Structures are given as structure tokens and as C-alpha cells.
N, C-alpha and C. Protein backbone atom coordinates (compact mmCIF):
# COMPACT_ATOMS: atom_id res chain seq x y z
N MET A 1 49.39 13.10 -11.96
CA MET A 1 48.20 13.96 -11.85
C MET A 1 46.92 13.13 -12.04
N ARG A 2 46.95 12.24 -13.06
CA ARG A 2 45.79 11.41 -13.30
C ARG A 2 45.49 10.51 -12.09
N PHE A 3 46.59 10.01 -11.49
CA PHE A 3 46.43 9.16 -10.31
C PHE A 3 45.78 9.93 -9.17
N LEU A 4 46.21 11.23 -9.03
CA LEU A 4 45.64 12.07 -7.97
C LEU A 4 44.16 12.30 -8.21
N HIS A 5 43.80 12.59 -9.46
CA HIS A 5 42.40 12.80 -9.80
C HIS A 5 41.58 11.54 -9.51
N PHE A 6 42.14 10.39 -9.87
CA PHE A 6 41.44 9.12 -9.64
C PHE A 6 41.26 8.86 -8.15
N ALA A 7 42.32 9.17 -7.37
CA ALA A 7 42.27 8.95 -5.92
C ALA A 7 41.21 9.86 -5.29
N LEU A 8 41.16 11.13 -5.73
CA LEU A 8 40.17 12.05 -5.19
C LEU A 8 38.76 11.63 -5.57
N PHE A 9 38.60 11.18 -6.81
CA PHE A 9 37.30 10.71 -7.28
C PHE A 9 36.83 9.51 -6.46
N SER A 10 37.76 8.57 -6.22
CA SER A 10 37.42 7.38 -5.44
C SER A 10 37.05 7.74 -4.01
N PHE A 11 37.77 8.74 -3.47
CA PHE A 11 37.50 9.17 -2.08
C PHE A 11 36.09 9.76 -1.96
N PHE A 12 35.77 10.68 -2.87
CA PHE A 12 34.46 11.31 -2.82
C PHE A 12 33.34 10.32 -3.13
N LEU A 13 33.63 9.34 -4.00
CA LEU A 13 32.65 8.30 -4.31
C LEU A 13 32.37 7.47 -3.07
N SER A 14 33.43 7.17 -2.33
CA SER A 14 33.29 6.39 -1.10
C SER A 14 32.48 7.16 -0.06
N ILE A 15 32.77 8.47 0.08
CA ILE A 15 32.04 9.30 1.04
C ILE A 15 30.57 9.38 0.67
N THR A 16 30.30 9.53 -0.64
CA THR A 16 28.92 9.62 -1.11
C THR A 16 28.17 8.34 -0.83
N ALA A 17 28.83 7.21 -1.08
CA ALA A 17 28.20 5.90 -0.86
C ALA A 17 27.87 5.71 0.61
N LYS A 18 28.82 6.08 1.48
CA LYS A 18 28.59 5.94 2.92
C LYS A 18 27.47 6.86 3.38
N SER A 19 27.46 8.09 2.82
CA SER A 19 26.43 9.05 3.18
C SER A 19 25.06 8.53 2.78
N PHE A 20 24.96 7.95 1.58
CA PHE A 20 23.70 7.40 1.11
C PHE A 20 23.26 6.23 1.98
N GLU A 21 24.24 5.41 2.36
CA GLU A 21 23.93 4.25 3.19
C GLU A 21 23.34 4.68 4.51
N GLN A 22 23.84 5.79 5.05
CA GLN A 22 23.34 6.26 6.33
C GLN A 22 22.00 6.97 6.20
N THR A 23 21.84 7.76 5.14
CA THR A 23 20.61 8.55 5.04
C THR A 23 19.39 7.68 4.76
N LYS A 24 19.56 6.48 4.22
CA LYS A 24 18.39 5.65 3.99
C LYS A 24 17.91 5.00 5.28
N PHE A 25 18.71 5.04 6.33
CA PHE A 25 18.29 4.55 7.64
C PHE A 25 17.83 5.73 8.48
N LEU A 26 16.56 5.68 8.90
CA LEU A 26 15.98 6.77 9.66
C LEU A 26 15.57 6.28 11.04
N ASN A 27 15.45 7.22 11.96
CA ASN A 27 14.99 6.87 13.30
C ASN A 27 13.70 6.07 13.21
N GLY A 28 13.66 4.94 13.90
CA GLY A 28 12.48 4.11 13.83
C GLY A 28 12.43 3.09 14.94
N PHE A 29 11.54 2.13 14.77
CA PHE A 29 11.36 1.08 15.77
C PHE A 29 10.62 -0.08 15.13
N TYR A 30 10.59 -1.20 15.84
CA TYR A 30 9.70 -2.28 15.46
C TYR A 30 9.18 -2.96 16.71
N ILE A 31 8.01 -3.54 16.63
CA ILE A 31 7.40 -4.26 17.73
C ILE A 31 7.33 -5.73 17.32
N ASN A 32 8.01 -6.59 18.07
CA ASN A 32 8.01 -8.01 17.71
C ASN A 32 6.72 -8.69 18.15
N GLN A 33 6.61 -9.98 17.85
CA GLN A 33 5.38 -10.70 18.14
C GLN A 33 5.11 -10.86 19.63
N ASN A 34 6.14 -10.65 20.45
CA ASN A 34 5.96 -10.70 21.90
C ASN A 34 5.47 -9.37 22.47
N GLY A 35 5.41 -8.34 21.59
CA GLY A 35 4.96 -7.04 22.04
C GLY A 35 6.09 -6.14 22.51
N ASP A 36 7.34 -6.57 22.34
CA ASP A 36 8.49 -5.77 22.76
C ASP A 36 8.82 -4.72 21.69
N THR A 37 9.05 -3.50 22.11
CA THR A 37 9.42 -2.42 21.20
C THR A 37 10.94 -2.27 21.17
N VAL A 38 11.51 -2.34 19.96
CA VAL A 38 12.95 -2.21 19.77
C VAL A 38 13.21 -0.95 18.97
N LYS A 39 13.94 0.00 19.56
CA LYS A 39 14.21 1.27 18.90
C LYS A 39 15.58 1.26 18.23
N GLY A 40 15.70 2.02 17.15
CA GLY A 40 16.96 2.11 16.42
C GLY A 40 16.77 2.86 15.12
N TYR A 41 17.29 2.29 14.04
CA TYR A 41 17.21 2.91 12.71
C TYR A 41 16.72 1.87 11.72
N THR A 42 15.76 2.26 10.90
CA THR A 42 15.17 1.31 9.96
C THR A 42 15.27 1.81 8.52
N SER A 43 15.33 0.85 7.61
CA SER A 43 15.25 1.14 6.19
C SER A 43 14.11 0.30 5.61
N LEU A 44 13.20 0.96 4.91
CA LEU A 44 12.04 0.27 4.34
C LEU A 44 12.21 0.04 2.84
N LYS A 45 13.43 0.17 2.37
CA LYS A 45 13.71 0.06 0.94
C LYS A 45 13.27 -1.29 0.37
N SER A 46 13.37 -2.34 1.17
CA SER A 46 13.07 -3.70 0.70
C SER A 46 11.72 -4.21 1.18
N LYS A 47 10.82 -3.30 1.57
CA LYS A 47 9.56 -3.74 2.15
C LYS A 47 8.71 -4.55 1.17
N ASP A 48 8.86 -4.28 -0.14
CA ASP A 48 8.10 -5.04 -1.12
C ASP A 48 8.59 -6.47 -1.26
N GLN A 49 9.79 -6.74 -0.70
CA GLN A 49 10.34 -8.10 -0.72
C GLN A 49 10.04 -8.84 0.59
N GLY A 50 9.26 -8.20 1.47
CA GLY A 50 8.81 -8.87 2.67
C GLY A 50 9.70 -8.70 3.89
N TYR A 51 10.68 -7.79 3.82
CA TYR A 51 11.54 -7.57 4.98
C TYR A 51 12.00 -6.12 5.04
N PHE A 52 12.51 -5.73 6.21
CA PHE A 52 13.10 -4.41 6.36
C PHE A 52 14.47 -4.58 7.01
N GLU A 53 15.28 -3.53 6.96
CA GLU A 53 16.61 -3.58 7.57
C GLU A 53 16.63 -2.74 8.84
N PHE A 54 17.40 -3.20 9.82
CA PHE A 54 17.40 -2.53 11.12
C PHE A 54 18.83 -2.41 11.66
N LYS A 55 19.10 -1.27 12.29
CA LYS A 55 20.36 -1.03 12.99
C LYS A 55 20.06 -0.45 14.36
N SER A 56 20.81 -0.91 15.37
CA SER A 56 20.69 -0.28 16.69
C SER A 56 21.35 1.09 16.69
N SER A 57 22.42 1.23 15.87
CA SER A 57 23.10 2.51 15.68
C SER A 57 23.55 2.58 14.23
N LEU A 58 23.81 3.78 13.76
CA LEU A 58 24.18 3.95 12.35
C LEU A 58 25.52 3.32 12.02
N GLN A 59 26.34 3.08 13.04
CA GLN A 59 27.67 2.51 12.80
C GLN A 59 27.61 0.98 12.63
N GLU A 60 26.54 0.37 13.05
CA GLU A 60 26.44 -1.08 12.98
C GLU A 60 26.07 -1.55 11.57
N LYS A 61 26.34 -2.83 11.30
CA LYS A 61 25.88 -3.42 10.05
C LYS A 61 24.40 -3.75 10.19
N PRO A 62 23.63 -3.55 9.14
CA PRO A 62 22.19 -3.80 9.24
C PRO A 62 21.86 -5.30 9.28
N VAL A 63 20.76 -5.60 9.91
CA VAL A 63 20.23 -6.96 9.90
C VAL A 63 18.87 -6.92 9.19
N SER A 64 18.56 -7.99 8.47
CA SER A 64 17.28 -8.07 7.77
C SER A 64 16.26 -8.78 8.65
N ILE A 65 15.07 -8.21 8.76
CA ILE A 65 14.02 -8.76 9.61
C ILE A 65 12.74 -8.92 8.78
N LEU A 66 12.16 -10.10 8.81
CA LEU A 66 10.93 -10.36 8.07
C LEU A 66 9.76 -9.64 8.73
N PHE A 67 8.90 -9.06 7.92
CA PHE A 67 7.75 -8.35 8.46
C PHE A 67 6.81 -9.28 9.23
N ASP A 68 6.72 -10.55 8.80
CA ASP A 68 5.77 -11.43 9.47
C ASP A 68 6.25 -11.89 10.85
N THR A 69 7.46 -11.44 11.26
CA THR A 69 7.93 -11.71 12.62
C THR A 69 7.66 -10.52 13.53
N CYS A 70 7.01 -9.47 12.97
CA CYS A 70 6.74 -8.24 13.73
C CYS A 70 5.26 -7.88 13.66
N LYS A 71 4.83 -7.14 14.65
CA LYS A 71 3.48 -6.62 14.65
C LYS A 71 3.42 -5.26 13.97
N GLN A 72 4.49 -4.48 14.16
CA GLN A 72 4.48 -3.12 13.64
C GLN A 72 5.91 -2.63 13.42
N VAL A 73 6.07 -1.80 12.39
CA VAL A 73 7.36 -1.17 12.10
C VAL A 73 7.11 0.31 11.87
N GLY A 74 7.90 1.17 12.53
CA GLY A 74 7.71 2.60 12.40
C GLY A 74 8.95 3.31 11.93
N GLN A 75 8.74 4.41 11.20
CA GLN A 75 9.85 5.22 10.71
C GLN A 75 9.35 6.65 10.51
N LYS A 76 9.84 7.56 11.36
CA LYS A 76 9.37 8.95 11.33
C LYS A 76 7.85 8.97 11.43
N ASP A 77 7.16 9.47 10.38
CA ASP A 77 5.70 9.55 10.44
C ASP A 77 5.03 8.41 9.69
N ARG A 78 5.79 7.33 9.41
CA ARG A 78 5.23 6.17 8.71
C ARG A 78 5.07 5.00 9.68
N ILE A 79 3.89 4.37 9.63
CA ILE A 79 3.63 3.20 10.46
C ILE A 79 3.17 2.06 9.55
N LEU A 80 3.86 0.91 9.65
CA LEU A 80 3.46 -0.26 8.90
C LEU A 80 3.05 -1.36 9.89
N GLU A 81 1.89 -1.95 9.65
CA GLU A 81 1.38 -3.02 10.49
C GLU A 81 1.29 -4.31 9.67
N THR A 82 1.72 -5.42 10.26
CA THR A 82 1.68 -6.69 9.56
C THR A 82 0.32 -7.36 9.74
N TRP A 83 -0.30 -7.71 8.62
CA TRP A 83 -1.62 -8.34 8.63
C TRP A 83 -1.64 -9.52 7.68
N LEU A 84 -2.42 -10.53 8.03
CA LEU A 84 -2.70 -11.64 7.12
C LEU A 84 -3.95 -11.25 6.34
N VAL A 85 -3.79 -10.95 5.07
CA VAL A 85 -4.91 -10.47 4.25
C VAL A 85 -4.93 -11.15 2.89
N SER A 86 -6.08 -11.06 2.26
CA SER A 86 -6.25 -11.53 0.88
C SER A 86 -6.23 -10.31 -0.02
N ARG A 87 -5.46 -10.39 -1.11
CA ARG A 87 -5.44 -9.26 -2.04
C ARG A 87 -5.58 -9.73 -3.48
N ASN A 88 -6.24 -8.92 -4.27
CA ASN A 88 -6.51 -9.22 -5.67
C ASN A 88 -5.30 -8.82 -6.52
N MET A 89 -4.78 -9.75 -7.31
CA MET A 89 -3.57 -9.49 -8.09
C MET A 89 -3.85 -9.16 -9.56
N SER A 90 -5.11 -9.07 -9.95
CA SER A 90 -5.40 -8.77 -11.36
C SER A 90 -5.20 -7.29 -11.66
N TYR A 91 -4.73 -7.00 -12.85
CA TYR A 91 -4.53 -5.63 -13.30
C TYR A 91 -4.51 -5.60 -14.82
N VAL A 92 -4.57 -4.40 -15.38
CA VAL A 92 -4.57 -4.25 -16.83
C VAL A 92 -3.20 -3.77 -17.30
N ASP A 93 -2.61 -4.47 -18.23
CA ASP A 93 -1.32 -4.08 -18.79
C ASP A 93 -1.48 -2.76 -19.55
N LYS A 94 -0.61 -1.80 -19.26
CA LYS A 94 -0.73 -0.47 -19.82
C LYS A 94 -0.43 -0.42 -21.32
N PHE A 95 0.27 -1.44 -21.83
CA PHE A 95 0.65 -1.42 -23.24
C PHE A 95 -0.25 -2.30 -24.10
N SER A 96 -0.52 -3.52 -23.65
CA SER A 96 -1.34 -4.44 -24.45
C SER A 96 -2.83 -4.32 -24.11
N PHE A 97 -3.12 -3.70 -22.94
CA PHE A 97 -4.50 -3.58 -22.44
C PHE A 97 -5.13 -4.95 -22.17
N ASP A 98 -4.28 -5.94 -21.93
CA ASP A 98 -4.76 -7.26 -21.54
C ASP A 98 -4.93 -7.32 -20.02
N ILE A 99 -5.87 -8.14 -19.57
CA ILE A 99 -6.05 -8.34 -18.14
C ILE A 99 -5.07 -9.41 -17.67
N ILE A 100 -4.23 -9.05 -16.74
CA ILE A 100 -3.22 -9.97 -16.21
C ILE A 100 -3.68 -10.51 -14.86
N ASN A 101 -3.43 -11.80 -14.63
CA ASN A 101 -3.79 -12.46 -13.37
C ASN A 101 -5.27 -12.33 -13.05
N GLN A 102 -6.11 -12.52 -14.05
CA GLN A 102 -7.54 -12.34 -13.84
C GLN A 102 -8.06 -13.29 -12.76
N ASP A 103 -8.86 -12.75 -11.83
CA ASP A 103 -9.46 -13.51 -10.73
C ASP A 103 -8.42 -14.21 -9.86
N SER A 104 -7.25 -13.60 -9.74
CA SER A 104 -6.17 -14.19 -8.94
C SER A 104 -6.09 -13.52 -7.57
N LEU A 105 -6.10 -14.34 -6.51
CA LEU A 105 -6.02 -13.85 -5.14
C LEU A 105 -4.83 -14.46 -4.43
N ILE A 106 -4.22 -13.67 -3.53
CA ILE A 106 -3.10 -14.14 -2.73
C ILE A 106 -3.40 -13.87 -1.26
N ASN A 107 -3.20 -14.88 -0.42
CA ASN A 107 -3.33 -14.72 1.03
C ASN A 107 -1.93 -14.75 1.63
N ALA A 108 -1.55 -13.69 2.33
CA ALA A 108 -0.20 -13.63 2.88
C ALA A 108 -0.11 -12.55 3.95
N PHE A 109 0.93 -12.69 4.81
CA PHE A 109 1.26 -11.63 5.75
C PHE A 109 2.00 -10.54 5.00
N ILE A 110 1.50 -9.32 5.03
CA ILE A 110 2.17 -8.21 4.34
C ILE A 110 2.13 -6.96 5.23
N PRO A 111 3.09 -6.05 5.05
CA PRO A 111 3.11 -4.81 5.83
C PRO A 111 2.18 -3.76 5.22
N LEU A 112 1.12 -3.43 5.93
CA LEU A 112 0.18 -2.43 5.45
C LEU A 112 0.53 -1.07 6.06
N GLU A 113 0.61 -0.07 5.21
CA GLU A 113 0.93 1.27 5.70
C GLU A 113 -0.34 2.00 6.12
N SER A 114 -0.31 2.55 7.32
CA SER A 114 -1.46 3.29 7.84
C SER A 114 -1.52 4.67 7.19
N LEU A 115 -2.62 4.93 6.47
CA LEU A 115 -2.80 6.22 5.80
C LEU A 115 -3.72 7.14 6.58
N TYR A 116 -4.71 6.55 7.25
CA TYR A 116 -5.63 7.36 8.05
C TYR A 116 -6.29 6.48 9.10
N LYS A 117 -6.21 6.89 10.36
CA LYS A 117 -6.84 6.14 11.45
C LYS A 117 -8.01 6.95 11.99
N GLY A 118 -9.19 6.35 11.91
CA GLY A 118 -10.39 7.03 12.37
C GLY A 118 -11.04 6.33 13.54
N SER A 119 -12.03 6.96 14.12
CA SER A 119 -12.75 6.39 15.25
C SER A 119 -13.58 5.18 14.83
N TYR A 120 -14.04 5.17 13.58
CA TYR A 120 -14.87 4.08 13.09
C TYR A 120 -14.17 3.24 12.03
N PHE A 121 -13.54 3.90 11.08
CA PHE A 121 -12.93 3.20 9.94
C PHE A 121 -11.53 3.75 9.67
N SER A 122 -10.60 2.83 9.40
CA SER A 122 -9.21 3.23 9.13
C SER A 122 -8.79 2.76 7.74
N LEU A 123 -7.88 3.51 7.13
CA LEU A 123 -7.43 3.24 5.77
C LEU A 123 -5.97 2.81 5.75
N TYR A 124 -5.68 1.75 5.01
CA TYR A 124 -4.32 1.23 4.87
C TYR A 124 -4.00 1.02 3.39
N SER A 125 -2.70 0.92 3.08
CA SER A 125 -2.32 0.68 1.69
C SER A 125 -1.13 -0.27 1.60
N TYR A 126 -0.97 -0.83 0.41
CA TYR A 126 0.17 -1.71 0.10
C TYR A 126 0.41 -1.63 -1.40
N HIS A 127 1.68 -1.70 -1.80
CA HIS A 127 2.00 -1.64 -3.23
C HIS A 127 2.89 -2.81 -3.63
N ASP A 128 2.51 -3.52 -4.69
CA ASP A 128 3.38 -4.52 -5.30
C ASP A 128 3.40 -4.24 -6.80
N ILE A 129 2.66 -4.99 -7.59
CA ILE A 129 2.56 -4.68 -9.02
C ILE A 129 1.52 -3.58 -9.26
N LYS A 130 0.79 -3.24 -8.22
CA LYS A 130 -0.22 -2.18 -8.31
C LYS A 130 -0.50 -1.69 -6.89
N ASP A 131 -1.33 -0.66 -6.79
CA ASP A 131 -1.73 -0.14 -5.48
C ASP A 131 -2.91 -0.93 -4.94
N HIS A 132 -2.83 -1.23 -3.64
CA HIS A 132 -3.93 -1.89 -2.94
C HIS A 132 -4.34 -0.99 -1.78
N PHE A 133 -5.64 -0.91 -1.52
CA PHE A 133 -6.13 -0.16 -0.37
C PHE A 133 -7.02 -1.06 0.48
N PHE A 134 -6.97 -0.84 1.80
CA PHE A 134 -7.69 -1.70 2.73
C PHE A 134 -8.48 -0.86 3.73
N ILE A 135 -9.60 -1.42 4.18
CA ILE A 135 -10.41 -0.78 5.20
C ILE A 135 -10.44 -1.65 6.45
N TYR A 136 -10.28 -1.01 7.61
CA TYR A 136 -10.36 -1.71 8.89
C TYR A 136 -11.49 -1.08 9.69
N ASP A 137 -12.46 -1.91 10.12
CA ASP A 137 -13.63 -1.41 10.84
C ASP A 137 -13.57 -1.70 12.33
N GLY A 138 -12.39 -2.03 12.83
CA GLY A 138 -12.24 -2.37 14.24
C GLY A 138 -12.37 -3.84 14.52
N VAL A 139 -12.80 -4.61 13.49
CA VAL A 139 -12.97 -6.06 13.64
C VAL A 139 -12.11 -6.82 12.64
N SER A 140 -12.21 -6.45 11.38
CA SER A 140 -11.48 -7.17 10.33
C SER A 140 -10.88 -6.20 9.31
N MET A 141 -9.84 -6.68 8.63
CA MET A 141 -9.17 -5.93 7.57
C MET A 141 -9.61 -6.50 6.23
N GLN A 142 -10.03 -5.63 5.32
CA GLN A 142 -10.56 -6.08 4.03
C GLN A 142 -10.03 -5.22 2.90
N GLU A 143 -9.59 -5.86 1.83
CA GLU A 143 -9.11 -5.09 0.68
C GLU A 143 -10.29 -4.46 -0.05
N LEU A 144 -10.11 -3.22 -0.45
CA LEU A 144 -11.07 -2.53 -1.30
C LEU A 144 -10.70 -2.84 -2.74
N ARG A 145 -11.60 -3.48 -3.46
CA ARG A 145 -11.21 -4.07 -4.74
C ARG A 145 -11.84 -3.42 -5.96
N VAL A 146 -11.11 -3.63 -7.06
CA VAL A 146 -11.58 -3.27 -8.40
C VAL A 146 -11.48 -4.54 -9.23
N SER A 147 -12.52 -4.86 -9.99
CA SER A 147 -12.48 -6.07 -10.82
C SER A 147 -12.47 -5.70 -12.30
N TYR A 148 -11.88 -6.60 -13.08
CA TYR A 148 -11.76 -6.38 -14.53
C TYR A 148 -12.31 -7.63 -15.25
N ARG A 149 -12.98 -7.38 -16.37
CA ARG A 149 -13.41 -8.51 -17.20
C ARG A 149 -13.49 -8.05 -18.66
N TYR A 150 -13.32 -9.02 -19.57
CA TYR A 150 -13.46 -8.72 -20.99
C TYR A 150 -14.94 -8.64 -21.37
N LEU A 151 -15.23 -7.91 -22.42
CA LEU A 151 -16.60 -7.82 -22.91
C LEU A 151 -17.02 -9.17 -23.49
N THR A 152 -18.27 -9.51 -23.32
CA THR A 152 -18.80 -10.73 -23.92
C THR A 152 -19.05 -10.48 -25.41
N ASP A 153 -19.24 -11.56 -26.16
CA ASP A 153 -19.52 -11.41 -27.60
C ASP A 153 -20.80 -10.62 -27.81
N TRP A 154 -21.80 -10.85 -26.96
CA TRP A 154 -23.07 -10.13 -27.09
C TRP A 154 -22.86 -8.63 -26.86
N GLU A 155 -22.05 -8.28 -25.85
CA GLU A 155 -21.78 -6.87 -25.56
C GLU A 155 -21.04 -6.21 -26.72
N LYS A 156 -20.15 -6.96 -27.35
CA LYS A 156 -19.43 -6.42 -28.50
C LYS A 156 -20.37 -6.16 -29.67
N MET A 157 -21.34 -7.04 -29.86
CA MET A 157 -22.30 -6.89 -30.95
C MET A 157 -23.22 -5.69 -30.72
N GLN A 158 -23.50 -5.38 -29.45
CA GLN A 158 -24.39 -4.28 -29.12
C GLN A 158 -23.72 -2.92 -29.25
N ASN A 159 -22.40 -2.93 -29.29
CA ASN A 159 -21.66 -1.68 -29.35
C ASN A 159 -20.72 -1.70 -30.54
N VAL A 160 -21.04 -0.92 -31.56
CA VAL A 160 -20.24 -0.89 -32.78
C VAL A 160 -19.26 0.27 -32.77
N ASN A 161 -19.18 0.96 -31.67
CA ASN A 161 -18.27 2.11 -31.53
C ASN A 161 -16.83 1.63 -31.63
N ARG A 162 -16.05 2.25 -32.49
CA ARG A 162 -14.65 1.85 -32.66
C ARG A 162 -13.82 2.11 -31.40
N ASN A 163 -14.28 3.04 -30.59
CA ASN A 163 -13.55 3.36 -29.36
C ASN A 163 -14.03 2.53 -28.17
N MET A 164 -14.76 1.47 -28.46
CA MET A 164 -15.28 0.61 -27.42
C MET A 164 -14.11 -0.01 -26.63
N PRO A 165 -14.17 0.01 -25.29
CA PRO A 165 -13.07 -0.54 -24.49
C PRO A 165 -12.95 -2.05 -24.66
N LYS A 166 -11.75 -2.54 -24.41
CA LYS A 166 -11.49 -3.97 -24.52
C LYS A 166 -11.97 -4.72 -23.30
N TYR A 167 -12.12 -4.01 -22.20
CA TYR A 167 -12.50 -4.63 -20.93
C TYR A 167 -13.40 -3.66 -20.15
N LEU A 168 -14.05 -4.19 -19.13
CA LEU A 168 -14.89 -3.39 -18.26
C LEU A 168 -14.30 -3.37 -16.85
N ILE A 169 -14.38 -2.21 -16.21
CA ILE A 169 -13.87 -2.04 -14.85
C ILE A 169 -15.06 -1.89 -13.90
N THR A 170 -15.07 -2.69 -12.85
CA THR A 170 -16.13 -2.59 -11.85
C THR A 170 -15.55 -2.13 -10.52
N PRO A 171 -15.95 -0.95 -10.04
CA PRO A 171 -15.44 -0.44 -8.76
C PRO A 171 -16.14 -1.12 -7.58
N VAL A 172 -15.76 -2.36 -7.32
CA VAL A 172 -16.40 -3.16 -6.27
C VAL A 172 -16.31 -2.47 -4.92
N TYR A 173 -15.24 -1.69 -4.72
CA TYR A 173 -14.99 -1.06 -3.43
C TYR A 173 -16.13 -0.13 -2.99
N LYS A 174 -16.87 0.42 -3.93
CA LYS A 174 -17.97 1.33 -3.57
C LYS A 174 -19.08 0.57 -2.83
N LYS A 175 -19.42 -0.62 -3.33
CA LYS A 175 -20.43 -1.44 -2.65
C LYS A 175 -19.88 -1.99 -1.34
N GLN A 176 -18.58 -2.31 -1.31
CA GLN A 176 -17.97 -2.81 -0.08
C GLN A 176 -18.09 -1.78 1.04
N ILE A 177 -17.71 -0.54 0.73
CA ILE A 177 -17.74 0.52 1.74
C ILE A 177 -19.16 0.79 2.19
N THR A 178 -20.09 0.84 1.24
CA THR A 178 -21.50 1.08 1.57
C THR A 178 -22.02 0.00 2.51
N SER A 179 -21.64 -1.26 2.24
CA SER A 179 -22.08 -2.37 3.07
C SER A 179 -21.46 -2.32 4.46
N ILE A 180 -20.16 -1.99 4.55
CA ILE A 180 -19.45 -1.95 5.82
C ILE A 180 -19.97 -0.81 6.71
N VAL A 181 -20.18 0.37 6.12
CA VAL A 181 -20.66 1.52 6.90
C VAL A 181 -22.08 1.27 7.38
N GLY A 182 -22.90 0.68 6.52
CA GLY A 182 -24.24 0.28 6.91
C GLY A 182 -25.20 1.43 7.15
N GLN A 183 -26.02 1.29 8.19
CA GLN A 183 -27.11 2.23 8.43
C GLN A 183 -26.67 3.63 8.84
N ARG A 184 -25.43 3.75 9.31
CA ARG A 184 -24.98 5.07 9.74
C ARG A 184 -24.54 5.94 8.55
N LEU A 185 -24.65 5.39 7.34
CA LEU A 185 -24.24 6.12 6.13
C LEU A 185 -25.21 7.27 5.85
N THR A 186 -24.67 8.48 5.72
CA THR A 186 -25.49 9.65 5.39
C THR A 186 -25.53 9.85 3.88
N LYS A 187 -26.43 10.71 3.43
CA LYS A 187 -26.54 11.00 2.00
C LYS A 187 -25.25 11.62 1.48
N LYS A 188 -24.65 12.51 2.27
CA LYS A 188 -23.41 13.16 1.88
C LYS A 188 -22.30 12.13 1.71
N GLN A 189 -22.22 11.18 2.64
CA GLN A 189 -21.19 10.15 2.58
C GLN A 189 -21.42 9.22 1.38
N TRP A 190 -22.68 8.87 1.13
CA TRP A 190 -23.00 7.99 0.00
C TRP A 190 -22.60 8.65 -1.32
N GLU A 191 -22.90 9.93 -1.47
CA GLU A 191 -22.54 10.65 -2.69
C GLU A 191 -21.03 10.71 -2.87
N LEU A 192 -20.31 10.88 -1.76
CA LEU A 192 -18.85 10.95 -1.84
C LEU A 192 -18.28 9.59 -2.23
N ILE A 193 -18.87 8.50 -1.71
CA ILE A 193 -18.43 7.15 -2.08
C ILE A 193 -18.56 6.95 -3.58
N GLU A 194 -19.70 7.36 -4.12
CA GLU A 194 -19.97 7.18 -5.55
C GLU A 194 -19.00 7.97 -6.43
N ASN A 195 -18.40 9.02 -5.88
CA ASN A 195 -17.49 9.86 -6.66
C ASN A 195 -16.02 9.69 -6.25
N THR A 196 -15.74 8.64 -5.48
CA THR A 196 -14.37 8.41 -5.02
C THR A 196 -13.61 7.51 -5.98
N GLY A 197 -12.44 7.99 -6.45
CA GLY A 197 -11.59 7.20 -7.32
C GLY A 197 -10.69 6.28 -6.50
N TYR A 198 -10.05 5.35 -7.21
CA TYR A 198 -9.18 4.38 -6.52
C TYR A 198 -7.77 4.94 -6.42
N ASP A 199 -7.59 5.91 -5.51
CA ASP A 199 -6.28 6.52 -5.31
C ASP A 199 -6.18 7.03 -3.88
N LYS A 200 -4.97 7.24 -3.42
CA LYS A 200 -4.69 7.60 -2.03
C LYS A 200 -5.41 8.87 -1.60
N LYS A 201 -5.28 9.92 -2.38
CA LYS A 201 -5.86 11.22 -2.01
C LYS A 201 -7.38 11.13 -1.87
N SER A 202 -8.03 10.45 -2.82
CA SER A 202 -9.49 10.34 -2.81
C SER A 202 -9.97 9.52 -1.61
N PHE A 203 -9.25 8.44 -1.31
CA PHE A 203 -9.65 7.59 -0.18
C PHE A 203 -9.47 8.31 1.16
N ILE A 204 -8.39 9.05 1.31
CA ILE A 204 -8.18 9.78 2.57
C ILE A 204 -9.30 10.79 2.78
N ARG A 205 -9.67 11.51 1.73
CA ARG A 205 -10.77 12.46 1.84
C ARG A 205 -12.07 11.75 2.24
N LEU A 206 -12.31 10.59 1.62
CA LEU A 206 -13.52 9.83 1.93
C LEU A 206 -13.52 9.35 3.38
N PHE A 207 -12.40 8.79 3.85
CA PHE A 207 -12.36 8.23 5.19
C PHE A 207 -12.49 9.30 6.27
N LYS A 208 -12.02 10.48 5.98
CA LYS A 208 -12.23 11.58 6.94
C LYS A 208 -13.72 11.86 7.10
N THR A 209 -14.44 11.80 5.99
CA THR A 209 -15.88 12.04 6.03
C THR A 209 -16.62 10.88 6.69
N LEU A 210 -16.18 9.65 6.41
CA LEU A 210 -16.85 8.47 6.99
C LEU A 210 -16.71 8.43 8.51
N ASN A 211 -15.69 9.08 9.04
CA ASN A 211 -15.47 9.06 10.48
C ASN A 211 -16.08 10.25 11.20
N GLU A 212 -16.84 11.08 10.47
CA GLU A 212 -17.55 12.17 11.10
C GLU A 212 -18.69 11.63 11.96
N SER A 213 -18.88 12.20 13.11
CA SER A 213 -19.94 11.76 14.02
C SER A 213 -21.29 12.07 13.42
N ASP A 214 -22.21 11.12 13.56
CA ASP A 214 -23.57 11.34 13.04
C ASP A 214 -24.53 11.77 14.14
N ASP A 215 -23.98 12.21 15.28
CA ASP A 215 -24.82 12.67 16.39
C ASP A 215 -25.48 14.01 16.05
């Protein structure tokens, strides 16, 4: 009886594993550097490691493909485009509140996910140790950045508040967007920029407004 129970358990475990293996592969495609579109099934589970998995059919064994060998990878309603970009790797540790990788930049080909495509400005994102957001103005791709720095000794002396922060956060992205949009920026758009947080929902709302016609 125990053997039967073990056999049944192993059988259902095998079925579950196979089912999971198949469900993580969804209808998709990729476009190689020659511009050829290859349709099949893709898994983006390993996208943070710089590659994705592809199958021509669900019955085949997957092959791993580097993102930098492709122009674009699609899966259902997700589109990832490969770009050579610079991104800021500094962030604040949630436990020690120390600034990690201060003033550290990385230049690399990475898959940027399209969050919003507009007539004037488009929004993209990427996640590694933190969230990154990018703006594309039809000419160049640029990361929207936040900078961190520790307080100077003078600043500490000027503030005796016990709740004084250990570091200062500068939302550089607000000046970046203002500069990129330029003269076509309306008062409504400027006010929205000033009140936009560094998160997906806030940026999508902002980019929808930035792409409104000023005619």
C-alpha cells in the first residue's frame, strides 16, 4: 500500500512538474539582429541573467538565447527591446540604510520592457537589484535617475533633529524630463512632473500626459 501511495505521489509530482514546465512557456517571438522574426514559445524567467529560453513547439527542449543577439523579444502583451544603455547601480540598503554602489554606473546591452509608447516620448523599465526607468524621445534612450548622498558634517551640525535622515535623495529624473520635453512643456505637465514618484504607475500616468498634443 505504501508503495502504491509513493507511486501515485511520484506520478502526480511528475505531471505537475511537466505542467509547470509548459505553462512558463507562452506564445511569443523574437527578432534577431538580421531583422528576422522567429515565432514559437518563450520563457522570460531568466531575463535578469541576460538570456531567455525559446521553443519552436512545447514538445521541444528549450534553447537559451542571449538578449544581445536579438533586437526584440515578445510574449503575449509584453515587449522587450535590447538596448545599449548606461544605468545607475547605487541604492540604499533597507536594513542598514547605507548607500550601496555609490556613483556606480554600468554600460551594457539589456532587455528593456516597453511600458508605454507615445508619439513623442516612450517609457521603458528594467529590474536588477532595483527598478530602473528609461525615457526614449525618438533619438536616444536615457535612464531616469535618482541620486543618493550622505549628509555633510556641516549639514549634520545645522540639523539637530534626532529623526534627521542619514542620506539625501535627489530626484534627478524630474530635471531630466523637464530638459528633454523642453519648450513644449505645459504648466499642467510641469506640475505633474514635480509630483511624480519613481514608480511604474506614476511614470505611466506622466507619460500619457507628456504625449498629449499641444495644438
